[in-house]
């Protein structure tokens, strides 16, 4: 038996091609070792079993290596734990594509139900986005709640949202997700909504012949429309601040990257911002912007943004579009990568897919390999070989921070207009703006004012035109 399992393991290391799979591999539903979070301290076990959902993870491995499949499930485990669940078991099946009816194949659902019964789990989390029919079929056969990856990420965002804008964005994404997945037990959503005794709202609670599912969908659409109006109003404040920075020609730098890569720690290290730092996925949902300056006095802004993840739900990208515009409108993206992660190159690819979706693929980008104090040097070298425009840092120890600051300064846009002028002493405000957003080559204090030779942006150059030296 051990020889047979070893043979299967060796074959599972190979990349799946487009041809048919071996029958034995297709029928294998492998248990992934080491993904249980069940604790041994009895008091803590009793507490968590009362408070947390007990879950079994299920994945379908369609391409890549066995290591890729297990990395994906390991990430799903972290997501489940962040949402407040206790992972009891994890299963992965190798298939050419997920089963259209039950995700893992009808023959394997019985094995999944046995695993659920054996562990006492109350929830199954699938590593993928399931169609409404797949969710319904799995729940009907496994007899416990089934959640897909999208719903799990939405739940984490709902727990972590703090600001009014963040809460509204998350609720809008959840409503968009739920509107396509309304269902009821015993067909009660297909009945026409009647009086209160029938579960409806009586007079005024329905249209002619409106069913319960239509009523619920109408309420979701109404609430979503209200949230979009609220987000449009909240967006005005963000747009005003951004327009003010652009008017004063203050360059902006966006810190972006995979969730839990250390973006907030890096912002704190660079600006002493005091942003919450937590070893958890999606700890930052509300962007933080801080002003800082280069070694030669030029002012620029650094913005911490929401982390990305593989297969980031489209609903979240749409709902958080106003927040993600901080990345698309930036002059420079500091793309933070977790050097201690088993697959940092895969994370870079996933983040760049989101960049493309929000229209940020054309923004200049600097790769920052973080957490090098805990990283495998061979992995770091692999990233540097693939990404030559990169710097290695540790936000925790401060290693490489000076090099990163120098790289950011060199990548910031330079003022394009050369000016030679004499500013009256009462126009100290203009001199201050030249210091903040321009590059000063020469300053001379004279009896008639301050002689300044500098390079500034086009907008400021127009304001300085009356003071130019002939």
Protein backbone atom coordinates (compact mmCIF):
# COMPACT_ATOMS: atom_id res chain seq x y z
CA UNK A 1 0.00 0.00 0.00
CA UNK A 2 2.83 2.43 0.87
CA UNK A 3 4.52 1.72 -2.48
CA UNK A 4 1.26 2.48 -4.29
CA UNK A 5 0.83 5.77 -2.39
CA UNK A 6 4.43 6.72 -3.16
CA UNK A 7 3.78 6.08 -6.83
CA UNK A 8 0.70 8.27 -6.75
CA UNK A 9 2.63 11.05 -5.03
CA UNK A 10 5.34 10.98 -7.69
CA UNK A 11 2.79 11.17 -10.47
CA UNK A 12 0.92 13.97 -8.69
CA UNK A 13 4.07 16.11 -8.82
CA UNK A 14 3.79 16.32 -12.59
CA UNK A 15 1.98 19.11 -14.39
CA UNK A 16 -1.42 18.12 -15.71
CA UNK A 17 -1.56 18.33 -19.47
CA UNK A 18 -4.63 18.82 -21.61
CA UNK A 19 -4.99 15.11 -22.24
CA UNK A 20 -6.98 12.62 -20.24
CA UNK A 21 -5.81 11.84 -16.72
CA UNK A 22 -5.01 8.43 -15.38
CA UNK A 23 -8.17 6.83 -13.98
CA UNK A 24 -6.53 6.13 -10.65
CA UNK A 25 -5.47 9.79 -10.29
CA UNK A 26 -8.89 11.04 -11.28
CA UNK A 27 -10.53 8.97 -8.58
CA UNK A 28 -8.10 10.05 -5.86
CA UNK A 29 -9.38 12.43 -3.21
CA UNK A 30 -6.18 13.11 -1.30
CA UNK A 31 -6.00 14.29 2.27
CA UNK A 32 -3.63 17.26 2.69
CA UNK A 33 -1.57 16.78 5.84
CA UNK A 34 -0.74 19.51 8.30
CA UNK A 35 -3.73 21.80 7.71
CA UNK A 36 -5.68 21.10 10.90
CA UNK A 37 -5.83 23.90 13.46
CA UNK A 38 -7.37 21.81 16.23
CA UNK A 39 -5.66 22.72 19.51
CA UNK A 40 -4.37 20.51 22.31
CA UNK A 41 -4.93 22.80 25.30
CA UNK A 42 -8.26 21.50 26.58
CA UNK A 43 -9.55 24.79 27.94
CA UNK A 44 -8.76 26.60 24.70
CA UNK A 45 -10.30 23.76 22.69
CA UNK A 46 -13.54 23.99 24.64
CA UNK A 47 -13.65 27.76 24.18
CA UNK A 48 -13.00 27.67 20.44
CA UNK A 49 -15.41 24.82 19.79
CA UNK A 50 -18.13 26.97 21.31
CA UNK A 51 -17.21 30.10 19.39
CA UNK A 52 -15.82 29.06 16.00
CA UNK A 53 -17.19 27.32 12.96
CA UNK A 54 -15.62 23.92 12.41
CA UNK A 55 -14.76 23.53 8.74
CA UNK A 56 -13.44 21.09 6.16
CA UNK A 57 -11.59 22.53 3.17
CA UNK A 58 -12.06 21.14 -0.34
CA UNK A 59 -10.04 21.97 -3.43
CA UNK A 60 -9.91 20.84 -7.04
CA UNK A 61 -6.44 20.61 -8.58
CA UNK A 62 -6.71 21.24 -12.31
CA UNK A 63 -3.20 22.33 -13.34
CA UNK A 64 0.25 23.06 -11.97
CA UNK A 65 2.12 20.89 -9.50
CA UNK A 66 1.03 19.24 -6.26
CA UNK A 67 2.91 21.98 -4.40
CA UNK A 68 0.80 24.64 -6.17
CA UNK A 69 -2.41 22.86 -5.17
CA UNK A 70 -1.34 22.54 -1.54
CA UNK A 71 -0.16 26.18 -1.42
CA UNK A 72 -3.60 27.22 -2.59
CA UNK A 73 -5.27 25.16 0.14
CA UNK A 74 -2.79 26.51 2.71
CA UNK A 75 -3.88 30.03 1.74
CA UNK A 76 -7.52 28.96 2.01
CA UNK A 77 -6.74 27.70 5.52
CA UNK A 78 -5.34 31.13 6.48
CA UNK A 79 -8.43 32.79 5.04
CA UNK A 80 -10.69 30.45 7.03
CA UNK A 81 -8.78 31.11 10.25
CA UNK A 82 -8.88 34.85 9.65
CA UNK A 83 -12.66 34.57 9.30
CA UNK A 84 -12.78 32.83 12.69
CA UNK A 85 -12.98 29.16 11.77
CA UNK A 86 -11.28 26.04 13.02
CA UNK A 87 -9.93 23.91 10.18
CA UNK A 88 -10.43 20.21 10.92
CA UNK A 89 -9.48 18.60 7.61
CA UNK A 90 -8.49 19.46 4.04
CA UNK A 91 -9.13 17.43 0.89
CA UNK A 92 -8.02 17.97 -2.70
CA UNK A 93 -9.08 16.11 -5.83
CA UNK A 94 -7.22 16.06 -9.13
CA UNK A 95 -9.47 16.71 -12.12
CA UNK A 96 -9.21 18.33 -15.54
CA UNK A 97 -11.93 20.79 -14.52
CA UNK A 98 -14.36 21.21 -11.60
CA UNK A 99 -17.53 19.15 -11.89
CA UNK A 100 -20.34 21.42 -13.16
CA UNK A 101 -22.86 19.87 -10.78
CA UNK A 102 -21.02 19.30 -7.50
CA UNK A 103 -17.53 20.87 -7.95
CA UNK A 104 -15.65 17.72 -6.85
CA UNK A 105 -17.60 15.11 -8.76
CA UNK A 106 -20.74 13.31 -7.64
CA UNK A 107 -18.85 10.15 -6.72
CA UNK A 108 -16.62 12.04 -4.29
CA UNK A 109 -19.36 13.94 -2.48
CA UNK A 110 -20.10 10.81 -0.41
CA UNK A 111 -16.47 10.71 0.75
CA UNK A 112 -16.67 14.40 1.64
CA UNK A 113 -19.85 13.76 3.67
CA UNK A 114 -18.06 10.98 5.54
CA UNK A 115 -15.19 13.33 6.36
CA UNK A 116 -17.66 15.94 7.60
CA UNK A 117 -19.43 13.40 9.80
CA UNK A 118 -16.15 11.98 11.14
CA UNK A 119 -14.77 15.40 12.12
CA UNK A 120 -18.02 16.92 13.33
CA UNK A 121 -17.64 19.85 10.94
CA UNK A 122 -20.54 22.22 10.38
CA UNK A 123 -19.24 23.96 7.25
CA UNK A 124 -17.47 23.04 4.00
CA UNK A 125 -15.31 25.69 2.32
CA UNK A 126 -14.52 25.17 -1.37
CA UNK A 127 -11.37 26.63 -2.94
CA UNK A 128 -13.05 28.28 -5.91
CA UNK A 129 -16.10 30.29 -6.95
CA UNK A 130 -19.12 27.99 -7.08
CA UNK A 131 -22.19 28.47 -9.20
CA UNK A 132 -25.52 28.67 -7.33
CA UNK A 133 -26.45 25.18 -8.54
CA UNK A 134 -23.15 23.74 -7.27
CA UNK A 135 -23.69 25.29 -3.84
CA UNK A 136 -27.23 23.95 -3.70
CA UNK A 137 -26.28 20.44 -4.82
CA UNK A 138 -23.41 20.19 -2.33
CA UNK A 139 -25.51 21.44 0.58
CA UNK A 140 -28.31 19.03 -0.28
CA UNK A 141 -25.93 16.06 -0.29
CA UNK A 142 -23.41 16.95 2.43
CA UNK A 143 -26.13 18.28 4.78
CA UNK A 144 -24.03 21.16 6.14
CA UNK A 145 -23.45 24.73 5.04
CA UNK A 146 -21.21 25.12 1.98
CA UNK A 147 -19.22 28.32 1.40
CA UNK A 148 -17.02 29.17 -1.57
CA UNK A 149 -13.83 31.24 -1.65
CA UNK A 150 -15.64 34.42 -2.71
CA UNK A 151 -18.10 34.33 0.22
CA UNK A 152 -15.20 33.64 2.61
CA UNK A 153 -13.23 36.67 1.44
CA UNK A 154 -16.35 38.84 1.59
CA UNK A 155 -16.90 37.71 5.18
CA UNK A 156 -13.34 38.69 6.14
CA UNK A 157 -13.76 42.09 4.55
CA UNK A 158 -17.02 42.58 6.47
CA UNK A 159 -15.26 41.84 9.76
CA UNK A 160 -12.35 44.20 9.07
CA UNK A 161 -14.15 47.21 7.58
CA UNK A 162 -13.97 50.17 9.96
CA UNK A 163 -14.81 53.36 8.07
CA UNK A 164 -18.22 54.28 6.68
CA UNK A 165 -16.86 53.96 3.14
CA UNK A 166 -15.27 50.58 3.83
CA UNK A 167 -18.48 49.18 5.36
CA UNK A 168 -20.57 50.45 2.46
CA UNK A 169 -18.16 48.97 -0.10
CA UNK A 170 -18.21 45.56 1.58
CA UNK A 171 -21.99 45.49 1.92
CA UNK A 172 -22.40 46.41 -1.74
CA UNK A 173 -20.08 43.56 -2.76
CA UNK A 174 -22.00 41.12 -0.55
CA UNK A 175 -25.34 42.18 -2.04
CA UNK A 176 -24.01 41.72 -5.57
CA UNK A 177 -22.85 38.24 -4.63
CA UNK A 178 -26.08 37.28 -2.83
CA UNK A 179 -28.44 38.54 -5.53
CA UNK A 180 -27.42 35.63 -7.80
CA UNK A 181 -27.59 33.03 -5.04
CA UNK A 182 -31.00 33.49 -3.46
CA UNK A 183 -32.57 30.19 -2.52
CA UNK A 184 -35.07 28.82 -0.06
CA UNK A 185 -35.94 25.51 1.53
CA UNK A 186 -38.96 23.58 0.30
CA UNK A 187 -39.52 25.93 -2.61
CA UNK A 188 -40.82 28.72 -0.38
CA UNK A 189 -39.02 31.36 -2.46
CA UNK A 190 -41.06 30.38 -5.52
CA UNK A 191 -44.38 31.07 -3.78
CA UNK A 192 -46.18 34.35 -4.15
CA UNK A 193 -45.66 36.59 -1.13
CA UNK A 194 -48.88 36.77 0.88
CA UNK A 195 -49.83 38.16 4.26
CA UNK A 196 -47.66 38.11 7.37
CA UNK A 197 -48.72 34.59 8.22
CA UNK A 198 -47.39 33.45 4.88
CA UNK A 199 -44.02 35.01 5.52
CA UNK A 200 -44.63 38.12 3.42
CA UNK A 201 -45.33 41.68 4.46
CA UNK A 202 -48.96 41.83 3.50
CA UNK A 203 -50.47 44.85 1.79
CA UNK A 204 -47.84 46.91 -0.01
CA UNK A 205 -45.24 44.18 0.36
CA UNK A 206 -45.41 42.82 -3.16
CA UNK A 207 -46.26 43.56 -6.74
CA UNK A 208 -48.87 41.70 -8.77
CA UNK A 209 -48.02 38.04 -8.58
CA UNK A 210 -44.57 38.77 -7.10
CA UNK A 211 -42.89 35.75 -5.57
CA UNK A 212 -40.82 35.75 -2.39
CA UNK A 213 -37.55 35.43 -4.31
CA UNK A 214 -38.55 38.40 -6.48
CA UNK A 215 -39.32 40.43 -3.37
CA UNK A 216 -35.93 39.62 -1.86
CA UNK A 217 -34.14 40.43 -5.11
CA UNK A 218 -35.99 43.76 -5.34
CA UNK A 219 -34.95 44.66 -1.79
CA UNK A 220 -31.33 43.79 -2.57
CA UNK A 221 -31.40 45.97 -5.68
CA UNK A 222 -32.94 48.84 -3.73
CA UNK A 223 -30.33 48.60 -0.97
CA UNK A 224 -27.49 48.34 -3.50
CA UNK A 225 -28.71 51.48 -5.27
CA UNK A 226 -28.74 53.36 -1.94
CA UNK A 227 -25.20 52.18 -1.15
CA UNK A 228 -23.95 53.32 -4.55
CA UNK A 229 -25.39 56.81 -3.87
CA UNK A 230 -23.67 56.90 -0.46
CA UNK A 231 -20.36 55.79 -1.98
CA UNK A 232 -20.64 58.47 -4.66
CA UNK A 233 -20.98 61.10 -1.91
CA UNK A 234 -18.06 59.67 0.09
CA UNK A 235 -15.99 59.53 -3.06
CA UNK A 236 -16.32 63.30 -3.44
CA UNK A 237 -14.14 63.88 -0.38
CA UNK A 238 -11.46 61.51 -1.66
CA UNK A 239 -11.52 63.11 -5.11
CA UNK A 240 -11.21 66.59 -3.57
CA UNK A 241 -8.10 65.59 -1.62
CA UNK A 242 -6.59 63.92 -4.67
CA UNK A 243 -7.33 66.95 -6.86
CA UNK A 244 -5.74 69.21 -4.24
CA UNK A 245 -2.54 67.13 -4.31
CA UNK A 246 -2.51 67.17 -8.09
CA UNK A 247 -3.07 70.94 -8.19
CA UNK A 248 -0.07 71.45 -5.95
CA UNK A 249 1.79 68.85 -8.04
CA UNK A 250 2.64 66.62 -5.13
CA UNK A 251 3.77 63.21 -6.45
CA UNK A 252 1.96 60.19 -5.04
CA UNK A 253 3.37 56.75 -4.24
CA UNK A 254 1.01 53.79 -3.64
CA UNK A 255 2.13 50.84 -1.53
CA UNK A 256 0.36 47.82 -3.01
CA UNK A 257 0.79 44.07 -2.98
CA UNK A 258 -0.49 40.73 -1.78
CA UNK A 259 -2.37 40.61 1.50
CA UNK A 260 -0.15 40.18 4.58
CA UNK A 261 3.01 41.09 2.61
CA UNK A 262 3.92 43.79 5.15
CA UNK A 263 2.59 46.95 3.42
CA UNK A 264 1.43 48.66 6.62
CA UNK A 265 4.69 47.78 8.41
CA UNK A 266 6.60 49.31 5.51
CA UNK A 267 4.49 52.50 5.62
CA UNK A 268 5.16 52.79 9.35
CA UNK A 269 8.88 52.27 8.80
CA UNK A 270 9.03 54.91 6.05
CA UNK A 271 6.79 57.59 7.62
CA UNK A 272 6.18 56.62 11.30
CA UNK A 273 2.47 56.62 10.41
CA UNK A 274 1.34 54.43 13.32
CA UNK A 275 -0.95 52.33 11.10
CA UNK A 276 -2.38 49.11 12.56
CA UNK A 277 -0.06 46.20 11.87
CA UNK A 278 -1.44 42.69 12.29
CA UNK A 279 -0.26 39.26 11.14
CA UNK A 280 -3.58 38.56 9.44
CA UNK A 281 -5.05 38.59 5.95
CA UNK A 282 -6.79 41.83 4.94
CA UNK A 283 -5.94 43.66 8.18
CA UNK A 284 -5.97 46.91 6.14
CA UNK A 285 -9.12 47.83 4.22
CA UNK A 286 -9.18 51.61 4.66
CA UNK A 287 -6.32 53.32 2.81
CA UNK A 288 -3.98 55.57 4.78
CA UNK A 289 -2.09 58.44 3.15
CA UNK A 290 0.90 60.19 4.75
CA UNK A 291 3.04 63.09 3.53
CA UNK A 292 6.79 62.67 3.57
CA UNK A 293 9.74 64.19 1.72
CA UNK A 294 12.87 63.26 -0.14
CA UNK A 295 16.37 63.94 1.11
CA UNK A 296 16.44 67.14 -1.00
CA UNK A 297 13.15 68.41 0.45
CA UNK A 298 10.60 67.44 -2.24
CA UNK A 299 7.25 66.50 -0.72
CA UNK A 300 5.35 63.39 -1.84
CA UNK A 301 2.60 61.17 -0.42
CA UNK A 302 2.70 57.48 0.52
CA UNK A 303 -0.59 55.56 0.54
CA UNK A 304 -1.20 52.16 2.11
CA UNK A 305 -3.85 50.22 0.16
CA UNK A 306 -6.00 47.12 0.55
CA UNK A 307 -4.14 43.87 -0.08
CA UNK A 308 -4.84 41.64 -3.05
CA UNK A 309 -5.22 37.88 -3.23
CA UNK A 310 -5.47 35.20 -5.92
CA UNK A 311 -8.85 35.27 -7.62
CA UNK A 312 -9.88 38.48 -5.84
CA UNK A 313 -13.70 38.52 -6.20
CA UNK A 314 -14.86 40.74 -9.05
CA UNK A 315 -17.55 42.15 -6.74
CA UNK A 316 -14.84 43.49 -4.42
CA UNK A 317 -12.86 45.05 -7.26
CA UNK A 318 -16.00 46.88 -8.40
CA UNK A 319 -17.06 47.94 -4.90
CA UNK A 320 -13.55 49.08 -3.92
CA UNK A 321 -12.86 50.79 -7.24
CA UNK A 322 -12.76 54.29 -5.70
CA UNK A 323 -10.25 53.07 -3.12
CA UNK A 324 -8.18 51.21 -5.70
CA UNK A 325 -7.97 54.38 -7.77
CA UNK A 326 -5.27 55.44 -5.30
CA UNK A 327 -3.13 52.82 -7.06
CA UNK A 328 -4.22 53.60 -10.63
CA UNK A 329 -3.68 57.38 -10.17
CA UNK A 330 -0.30 57.06 -8.44
CA UNK A 331 2.95 58.24 -9.99
CA UNK A 332 4.77 55.18 -8.65
CA UNK A 333 3.68 51.80 -7.24
CA UNK A 334 5.78 50.24 -4.50
CA UNK A 335 4.81 46.59 -5.03
CA UNK A 336 5.52 44.74 -1.77
CA UNK A 337 6.20 41.00 -1.99
CA UNK A 338 6.39 38.56 0.94
CA UNK A 339 9.85 37.05 0.56
CA UNK A 340 9.08 34.40 3.18
CA UNK A 341 6.11 33.02 1.21
CA UNK A 342 6.58 29.68 -0.62
CA UNK A 343 5.45 31.19 -3.95
CA UNK A 344 6.27 34.93 -4.14
CA UNK A 345 6.36 34.90 -7.96
CA UNK A 346 2.79 33.57 -8.01
CA UNK A 347 1.77 36.43 -5.71
CA UNK A 348 3.39 38.97 -8.04
CA UNK A 349 1.41 37.54 -10.97
CA UNK A 350 -1.87 37.65 -9.00
CA UNK A 351 -1.32 41.29 -7.98
CA UNK A 352 -0.49 42.37 -11.53
CA UNK A 353 -3.73 40.79 -12.74
CA UNK A 354 -5.59 43.14 -10.39
CA UNK A 355 -3.45 46.06 -11.60
CA UNK A 356 -4.63 45.29 -15.13
CA UNK A 357 -8.26 45.14 -14.00
CA UNK A 358 -8.14 48.58 -12.36
CA UNK A 359 -6.15 50.22 -15.16
CA UNK A 360 -2.85 50.52 -13.27
CA UNK A 361 -0.68 48.35 -15.51
CA UNK A 362 0.99 51.42 -17.05
CA UNK A 363 2.13 52.96 -13.75
CA UNK A 364 5.84 52.73 -12.95
CA UNK A 365 6.50 49.92 -10.48
CA UNK A 366 9.22 49.06 -7.98
CA UNK A 367 9.32 45.52 -6.52
CA UNK A 368 10.11 45.42 -2.79
CA UNK A 369 10.94 41.95 -1.45
CA UNK A 370 9.97 42.24 2.24
CA UNK A 371 10.44 39.94 5.26
CA UNK A 372 13.91 38.95 4.14
CA UNK A 373 14.88 38.34 7.78
CA UNK A 374 12.64 35.25 7.57
CA UNK A 375 13.00 34.41 3.87
CA UNK A 376 14.87 31.62 2.13
CA UNK A 377 17.84 33.28 0.33
CA UNK A 378 17.34 30.98 -2.67
CA UNK A 379 13.73 32.19 -3.05
CA UNK A 380 14.85 35.83 -2.79
CA UNK A 381 17.50 35.27 -5.47
CA UNK A 382 14.86 33.72 -7.74
CA UNK A 383 12.66 36.81 -7.38
CA UNK A 384 15.57 39.18 -8.05
CA UNK A 385 16.54 37.19 -11.15
CA UNK A 386 13.00 37.53 -12.50
CA UNK A 387 12.49 41.16 -11.35
CA UNK A 388 15.68 43.18 -11.90
CA UNK A 389 14.04 46.47 -10.82
CA UNK A 390 13.74 45.32 -7.21
CA UNK A 391 15.11 46.00 -3.74
CA UNK A 392 15.37 43.69 -0.73
CA UNK A 393 14.17 45.00 2.66
CA UNK A 394 12.92 43.98 6.08
CA UNK A 395 10.32 46.34 7.50
CA UNK A 396 10.79 44.69 10.90
CA UNK A 397 14.58 45.18 11.19
CA UNK A 398 15.04 48.19 8.88
CA UNK A 399 17.37 46.36 6.49
CA UNK A 400 17.38 47.92 3.01
CA UNK A 401 15.09 50.85 3.90
CA UNK A 402 17.66 53.51 2.93
CA UNK A 403 18.18 51.83 -0.43
CA UNK A 404 14.40 51.74 -0.98
CA UNK A 405 14.06 55.45 -0.15
CA UNK A 406 16.81 56.25 -2.62
CA UNK A 407 15.07 54.18 -5.32
CA UNK A 408 11.72 55.91 -4.66
CA UNK A 409 13.40 59.33 -4.93
CA UNK A 410 15.01 58.41 -8.24
CA UNK A 411 11.70 57.14 -9.66
CA UNK A 412 9.55 60.11 -8.65
CA UNK A 413 8.60 62.41 -11.54
CA UNK A 414 10.94 65.37 -11.95
CA UNK A 415 9.64 68.94 -12.51
CA UNK A 416 9.91 69.75 -16.20
CA UNK A 417 9.94 73.59 -16.40
CA UNK A 418 13.11 75.59 -15.64
CA UNK A 419 12.46 79.04 -14.11
CA UNK A 420 14.66 81.98 -13.13
CA UNK A 421 12.76 84.56 -11.11
CA UNK A 422 12.78 87.14 -8.34
CA UNK A 423 10.07 86.69 -5.72
CA UNK A 424 9.01 89.62 -3.52
CA UNK A 425 9.53 88.86 0.16
CA UNK A 426 5.78 89.01 0.80
CA UNK A 427 5.35 85.99 -1.54
CA UNK A 428 6.96 83.52 0.80
CA UNK A 429 4.06 81.14 0.06
CA UNK A 430 5.30 80.68 -3.52
CA UNK A 431 8.85 80.10 -2.32
CA UNK A 432 7.54 77.43 0.06
CA UNK A 433 5.69 75.69 -2.78
CA UNK A 434 8.85 75.69 -4.89
CA UNK A 435 10.64 74.02 -1.98
CA UNK A 436 7.85 71.41 -1.62
CA UNK A 437 7.25 70.40 -5.21
CA UNK A 438 10.22 71.71 -7.20
CA UNK A 439 13.96 71.31 -7.40
CA UNK A 440 15.90 74.43 -6.37
CA UNK A 441 19.26 74.96 -8.03
CA UNK A 442 20.13 78.37 -6.60
CA UNK A 443 18.74 80.86 -4.04
CA UNK A 444 19.99 84.43 -3.54
CA UNK A 445 18.46 87.01 -1.15
CA UNK A 446 18.61 90.48 -2.69
CA UNK A 447 17.23 93.89 -1.82
CA UNK A 448 14.33 93.57 -4.26
CA UNK A 449 13.41 89.99 -3.29
CA UNK A 450 14.61 86.40 -3.47
CA UNK A 451 16.31 85.30 -6.67
CA UNK A 452 15.47 81.66 -7.37
CA UNK A 453 16.66 79.31 -10.11
CA UNK A 454 14.65 76.08 -10.03
CA UNK A 455 12.67 73.47 -11.91
CA UNK A 456 8.92 73.30 -11.22
CA UNK A 457 5.76 71.74 -12.62
CA UNK A 458 3.78 73.38 -15.41
CA UNK A 459 0.96 74.54 -13.11
CA UNK A 460 3.27 76.28 -10.65
CA UNK A 461 5.33 77.73 -13.52
CA UNK A 462 2.21 79.51 -14.79
CA UNK A 463 1.67 81.10 -11.35
CA UNK A 464 5.31 82.19 -11.22
CA UNK A 465 5.26 83.77 -14.70
CA UNK A 466 4.87 87.40 -13.43
CA UNK A 467 8.10 87.12 -11.48
CA UNK A 468 10.35 85.68 -14.19
CA UNK A 469 13.60 87.47 -14.92
CA UNK A 470 13.68 88.88 -18.45
